[in-house]
Amino acid sequence: GGPRPLPGQEVSVKVLGALEDGGLVERDPRLICVPGHGDVVEALELGVPTMQPGEVSFFLAAFPYAYGRPGSREPDVPPEAPLLFEVTLLEVRDGPDPQPLPPAVRLRLGSQRRERGNFHFARGDFAAALRSYRLSLRALDGPAAAPPGPEEEEELREQRVKCLNNCAAAELKLGRAEEALAACEAALRICPDNGRALLRRGQLLAEQGRDAEAALVLKRALELDPASKVIHTELSRLAKRQSPPSST
């Protein structure tokens, strides 16, 4: 009984997922998600909003609505595998995003959505990955119910930087170099010595022909990681481009 979930509301569900041979591949006694935010497979995104609290439903999902053509390593789902989900809707409540949240909840939501973005990225669905990463950032940057402690503040910073780096990677896969560069620069505003963001920013600046800026960024990245073959290669390529042609 009770109303079905509305768009933007958060739900708690109990989920069991099984292959056609009956093998159990997914078991979560209390999965928390917001349908429509890309937190779960498409079968649950579409199915859970049709349910009422306390209802138990079975969803038989063809592979495009489960783990797709490639399947999944975690959980262990073979390629193109249909799944049967048994879902119990435990609770419906207002969505967390507009509300002031304790730091621990912001961290949980941010991590959950970033991990979902990684799942989409591994499947090659870069638009869905980017959407999940942006939702993760929205949770991490959302209003706070209480000031974070020093350890929570540091973890929030680390998660923001990870998310921004992942956004940059997804933007590149979508062919949007300017947006990728902006994500790198946002990460570096939080953590100026983040090696991953420095390397990618240097590469993007070099692609734009901004060689002097790129060299400075890559040299800083090399100071942080002197053994990196990738950074040495990028700097060597820049040096060759900047050296004048030899006279004959």
Protein backbone atom coordinates (compact mmCIF):
# COMPACT_ATOMS: atom_id res chain seq x y z
CA GLY A 1 0.00 0.00 0.00
CA GLY A 2 0.90 3.66 -0.35
CA PRO A 3 1.76 5.88 -3.31
CA ARG A 4 4.18 4.82 -6.02
CA PRO A 5 7.57 6.59 -6.21
CA LEU A 6 7.47 9.97 -7.89
CA PRO A 7 10.30 11.29 -10.11
CA GLY A 8 13.25 12.33 -7.95
CA GLN A 9 12.18 10.36 -4.89
CA GLU A 10 14.59 7.94 -3.25
CA VAL A 11 13.64 4.30 -2.69
CA SER A 12 14.94 1.38 -0.68
CA VAL A 13 14.47 -2.00 -2.34
CA LYS A 14 15.41 -5.59 -1.66
CA VAL A 15 16.79 -7.12 -4.86
CA LEU A 16 17.58 -10.66 -5.97
CA GLY A 17 18.85 -11.24 -9.51
CA ALA A 18 19.15 -14.67 -11.15
CA LEU A 19 20.26 -16.09 -14.48
CA GLU A 20 18.07 -18.36 -16.60
CA ASP A 21 19.68 -21.43 -15.03
CA GLY A 22 18.69 -20.19 -11.58
CA GLY A 23 22.17 -19.05 -10.57
CA LEU A 24 21.95 -16.11 -8.19
CA VAL A 25 24.17 -13.23 -9.35
CA GLU A 26 22.81 -10.33 -7.35
CA ARG A 27 21.60 -10.03 -3.76
CA ASP A 28 21.10 -6.75 -1.94
CA PRO A 29 18.86 -6.68 1.15
CA ARG A 30 18.56 -2.88 1.05
CA LEU A 31 19.58 -1.11 -2.14
CA ILE A 32 19.07 2.67 -1.99
CA CYS A 33 18.65 4.54 -5.27
CA VAL A 34 16.76 7.29 -7.08
CA PRO A 35 14.99 5.83 -10.15
CA GLY A 36 15.88 7.83 -13.23
CA HIS A 37 19.34 8.78 -11.98
CA GLY A 38 21.14 5.84 -13.57
CA ASP A 39 21.96 4.25 -10.22
CA VAL A 40 20.65 0.80 -11.20
CA VAL A 41 20.05 -1.32 -14.30
CA GLU A 42 17.34 -0.21 -16.71
CA ALA A 43 14.90 -2.94 -15.64
CA LEU A 44 14.84 -1.50 -12.11
CA GLU A 45 14.85 2.10 -13.36
CA LEU A 46 11.64 1.34 -15.25
CA GLY A 47 10.08 -1.22 -12.94
CA VAL A 48 10.43 0.20 -9.44
CA PRO A 49 8.34 3.35 -10.16
CA THR A 50 5.37 1.08 -11.00
CA MET A 51 5.42 -0.48 -7.51
CA GLN A 52 3.85 0.40 -4.17
CA PRO A 53 5.59 0.08 -0.78
CA GLY A 54 5.48 -3.52 0.42
CA GLU A 55 4.88 -4.90 -3.07
CA VAL A 56 6.98 -7.79 -4.42
CA SER A 57 7.47 -7.82 -8.20
CA PHE A 58 9.29 -10.00 -10.69
CA PHE A 59 10.93 -8.38 -13.71
CA LEU A 60 12.23 -10.55 -16.54
CA ALA A 61 14.82 -8.35 -18.23
CA ALA A 62 16.26 -8.93 -21.68
CA PHE A 63 19.97 -8.15 -21.78
CA PRO A 64 19.62 -4.49 -22.95
CA TYR A 65 17.66 -3.83 -19.73
CA ALA A 66 20.09 -5.78 -17.52
CA TYR A 67 23.88 -5.73 -17.97
CA GLY A 68 23.91 -5.24 -21.73
CA ARG A 69 25.72 -7.03 -24.51
CA PRO A 70 29.09 -7.31 -22.68
CA GLY A 71 27.63 -8.58 -19.39
CA SER A 72 29.46 -7.76 -16.17
CA ARG A 73 32.35 -8.91 -14.01
CA GLU A 74 30.84 -7.65 -10.76
CA PRO A 75 28.28 -9.12 -10.47
CA ASP A 76 29.34 -12.06 -12.66
CA VAL A 77 26.88 -11.88 -15.57
CA PRO A 78 27.67 -13.52 -18.96
CA PRO A 79 27.38 -11.52 -22.21
CA GLU A 80 23.84 -10.93 -23.50
CA ALA A 81 22.34 -12.62 -20.44
CA PRO A 82 18.69 -12.01 -19.54
CA LEU A 83 18.02 -11.76 -15.82
CA LEU A 84 15.05 -12.37 -13.55
CA PHE A 85 14.82 -9.82 -10.73
CA GLU A 86 12.75 -10.26 -7.60
CA VAL A 87 12.23 -6.80 -6.13
CA THR A 88 10.58 -5.76 -2.87
CA LEU A 89 9.88 -2.05 -2.48
CA LEU A 90 10.69 -1.34 1.16
CA GLU A 91 10.41 2.43 1.45
CA VAL A 92 9.79 5.62 -0.54
CA ARG A 93 10.96 9.03 0.67
CA ASP A 94 11.77 12.44 -0.72
CA GLY A 95 14.91 12.55 -2.83
CA PRO A 96 18.12 13.54 -1.09
CA ASP A 97 19.50 16.08 -3.54
CA PRO A 98 17.64 19.28 -2.52
CA GLN A 99 17.93 18.56 1.19
CA PRO A 100 20.75 19.46 3.58
CA LEU A 101 22.49 16.16 4.25
CA PRO A 102 25.04 14.96 6.80
CA PRO A 103 28.54 14.53 5.35
CA ALA A 104 28.33 10.72 5.63
CA VAL A 105 25.20 10.62 3.46
CA ARG A 106 26.75 12.95 0.87
CA LEU A 107 29.77 10.67 0.74
CA ARG A 108 27.59 7.56 0.35
CA LEU A 109 25.56 9.07 -2.48
CA GLY A 110 28.64 10.44 -4.21
CA SER A 111 30.45 7.10 -4.06
CA GLN A 112 27.40 5.14 -5.21
CA ARG A 113 26.82 7.35 -8.23
CA ARG A 114 30.49 7.49 -9.17
CA GLU A 115 30.69 3.68 -9.08
CA ARG A 116 27.59 3.52 -11.28
CA GLY A 117 29.31 5.90 -13.68
CA ASN A 118 32.32 3.59 -13.75
CA PHE A 119 30.00 0.71 -14.62
CA HIS A 120 28.54 2.67 -17.56
CA PHE A 121 32.04 3.75 -18.65
CA ALA A 122 33.29 0.15 -18.71
CA ARG A 123 30.32 -0.77 -20.93
CA GLY A 124 31.12 2.06 -23.34
CA ASP A 125 28.02 4.10 -22.48
CA PHE A 126 29.92 7.34 -21.96
CA ALA A 127 26.87 9.63 -21.93
CA ALA A 128 25.32 7.60 -19.09
CA ALA A 129 28.67 7.56 -17.28
CA LEU A 130 28.92 11.34 -17.50
CA ARG A 131 25.38 11.71 -16.19
CA SER A 132 26.23 9.54 -13.17
CA TYR A 133 29.45 11.45 -12.49
CA ARG A 134 27.58 14.76 -12.56
CA LEU A 135 24.97 13.40 -10.18
CA SER A 136 27.80 12.27 -7.92
CA LEU A 137 29.24 15.79 -7.90
CA ARG A 138 25.81 17.22 -7.15
CA ALA A 139 25.57 15.00 -4.08
CA LEU A 140 29.09 15.84 -2.93
CA ASP A 141 28.57 19.58 -3.42
CA GLY A 142 25.03 19.65 -2.03
CA PRO A 143 23.86 21.57 1.03
CA ALA A 144 25.26 20.30 4.30
CA ALA A 145 23.19 19.53 7.37
CA ALA A 146 26.32 19.86 9.49
CA PRO A 147 29.92 20.90 8.83
CA PRO A 148 32.15 17.93 7.96
CA GLY A 149 34.97 16.91 10.24
CA PRO A 150 38.58 17.05 8.97
CA GLU A 151 38.55 13.44 7.72
CA GLU A 152 35.16 13.84 6.02
CA GLU A 153 36.25 17.11 4.42
CA GLU A 154 39.34 15.40 3.00
CA GLU A 155 37.28 12.49 1.69
CA LEU A 156 34.80 14.88 0.06
CA ARG A 157 37.71 16.64 -1.67
CA GLU A 158 39.18 13.33 -2.86
CA GLN A 159 35.84 12.14 -4.22
CA ARG A 160 35.26 15.44 -6.04
CA VAL A 161 38.66 15.17 -7.72
CA LYS A 162 38.03 11.55 -8.74
CA CYS A 163 34.66 12.51 -10.18
CA LEU A 164 36.04 15.45 -12.12
CA ASN A 165 38.81 13.29 -13.57
CA ASN A 166 36.21 10.73 -14.57
CA CYS A 167 34.10 13.49 -16.13
CA ALA A 168 37.13 14.53 -18.19
CA ALA A 169 37.66 10.96 -19.40
CA ALA A 170 33.99 10.62 -20.40
CA GLU A 171 33.99 14.01 -22.15
CA LEU A 172 37.03 12.92 -24.18
CA LYS A 173 35.29 9.70 -25.20
CA LEU A 174 32.37 11.85 -26.37
CA GLY A 175 34.75 14.03 -28.40
CA ARG A 176 34.38 17.14 -26.25
CA ALA A 177 37.92 18.33 -25.60
CA GLU A 178 36.97 21.78 -24.23
CA GLU A 179 34.64 20.25 -21.65
CA ALA A 180 37.32 17.71 -20.72
CA LEU A 181 39.85 20.51 -20.21
CA ALA A 182 37.38 22.40 -18.01
CA ALA A 183 36.88 19.30 -15.85
CA CYS A 184 40.66 18.90 -15.46
CA GLU A 185 41.02 22.52 -14.43
CA ALA A 186 38.20 22.17 -11.90
CA ALA A 187 39.99 19.15 -10.41
CA LEU A 188 43.25 21.12 -10.19
CA ARG A 189 41.52 24.00 -8.41
CA ILE A 190 40.69 21.51 -5.66
CA CYS A 191 44.01 19.64 -5.75
CA PRO A 192 46.73 21.51 -7.70
CA ASP A 193 49.11 18.53 -7.57
CA ASN A 194 46.77 15.84 -8.84
CA GLY A 195 48.93 13.93 -11.29
CA ARG A 196 46.12 12.51 -13.39
CA ALA A 197 44.55 15.92 -13.97
CA LEU A 198 47.92 17.53 -14.70
CA LEU A 199 48.81 14.91 -17.30
CA ARG A 200 45.47 15.11 -19.07
CA ARG A 201 45.48 18.93 -18.99
CA GLY A 202 48.97 18.96 -20.47
CA GLN A 203 47.91 16.60 -23.24
CA LEU A 204 44.82 18.67 -24.04
CA LEU A 205 46.78 21.93 -24.10
CA ALA A 206 49.30 20.34 -26.45
CA GLU A 207 46.48 19.22 -28.76
CA GLN A 208 45.31 22.84 -28.90
CA GLY A 209 48.80 24.00 -29.88
CA ARG A 210 49.40 25.74 -26.55
CA ASP A 211 52.81 24.14 -26.27
CA ALA A 212 54.42 26.48 -23.74
CA GLU A 213 51.53 26.05 -21.28
CA ALA A 214 51.46 22.31 -21.91
CA ALA A 215 55.20 22.00 -21.20
CA LEU A 216 54.87 23.78 -17.85
CA VAL A 217 51.99 21.55 -16.79
CA LEU A 218 53.72 18.35 -17.89
CA LYS A 219 56.97 19.32 -16.16
CA ARG A 220 55.04 19.75 -12.93
CA ALA A 221 53.43 16.34 -13.48
CA LEU A 222 56.90 14.87 -14.03
CA GLU A 223 58.15 16.34 -10.75
CA LEU A 224 55.37 14.42 -9.01
CA ASP A 225 55.95 11.20 -10.97
CA PRO A 226 59.52 11.15 -12.35
CA ALA A 227 59.25 7.55 -13.55
CA SER A 228 56.20 8.12 -15.78
CA LYS A 229 56.98 7.00 -19.33
CA VAL A 230 53.83 8.68 -20.60
CA ILE A 231 54.89 12.11 -19.31
CA HIS A 232 58.43 11.67 -20.72
CA THR A 233 56.94 10.77 -24.09
CA GLU A 234 54.63 13.80 -24.09
CA LEU A 235 57.48 16.16 -23.19
CA SER A 236 59.73 14.65 -25.87
CA ARG A 237 57.01 15.17 -28.45
CA LEU A 238 56.63 18.80 -27.38
CA ALA A 239 60.39 19.37 -27.49
CA LYS A 240 60.55 18.09 -31.06
CA ARG A 241 57.72 20.37 -32.09
CA GLN A 242 59.34 23.41 -30.46
CA SER A 243 62.90 22.82 -31.75
CA PRO A 244 63.74 24.75 -34.93
CA PRO A 245 64.36 22.73 -38.10
CA SER A 246 67.99 21.94 -38.78
CA SER A 247 69.66 23.88 -41.57
CA THR A 248 70.95 22.03 -44.63
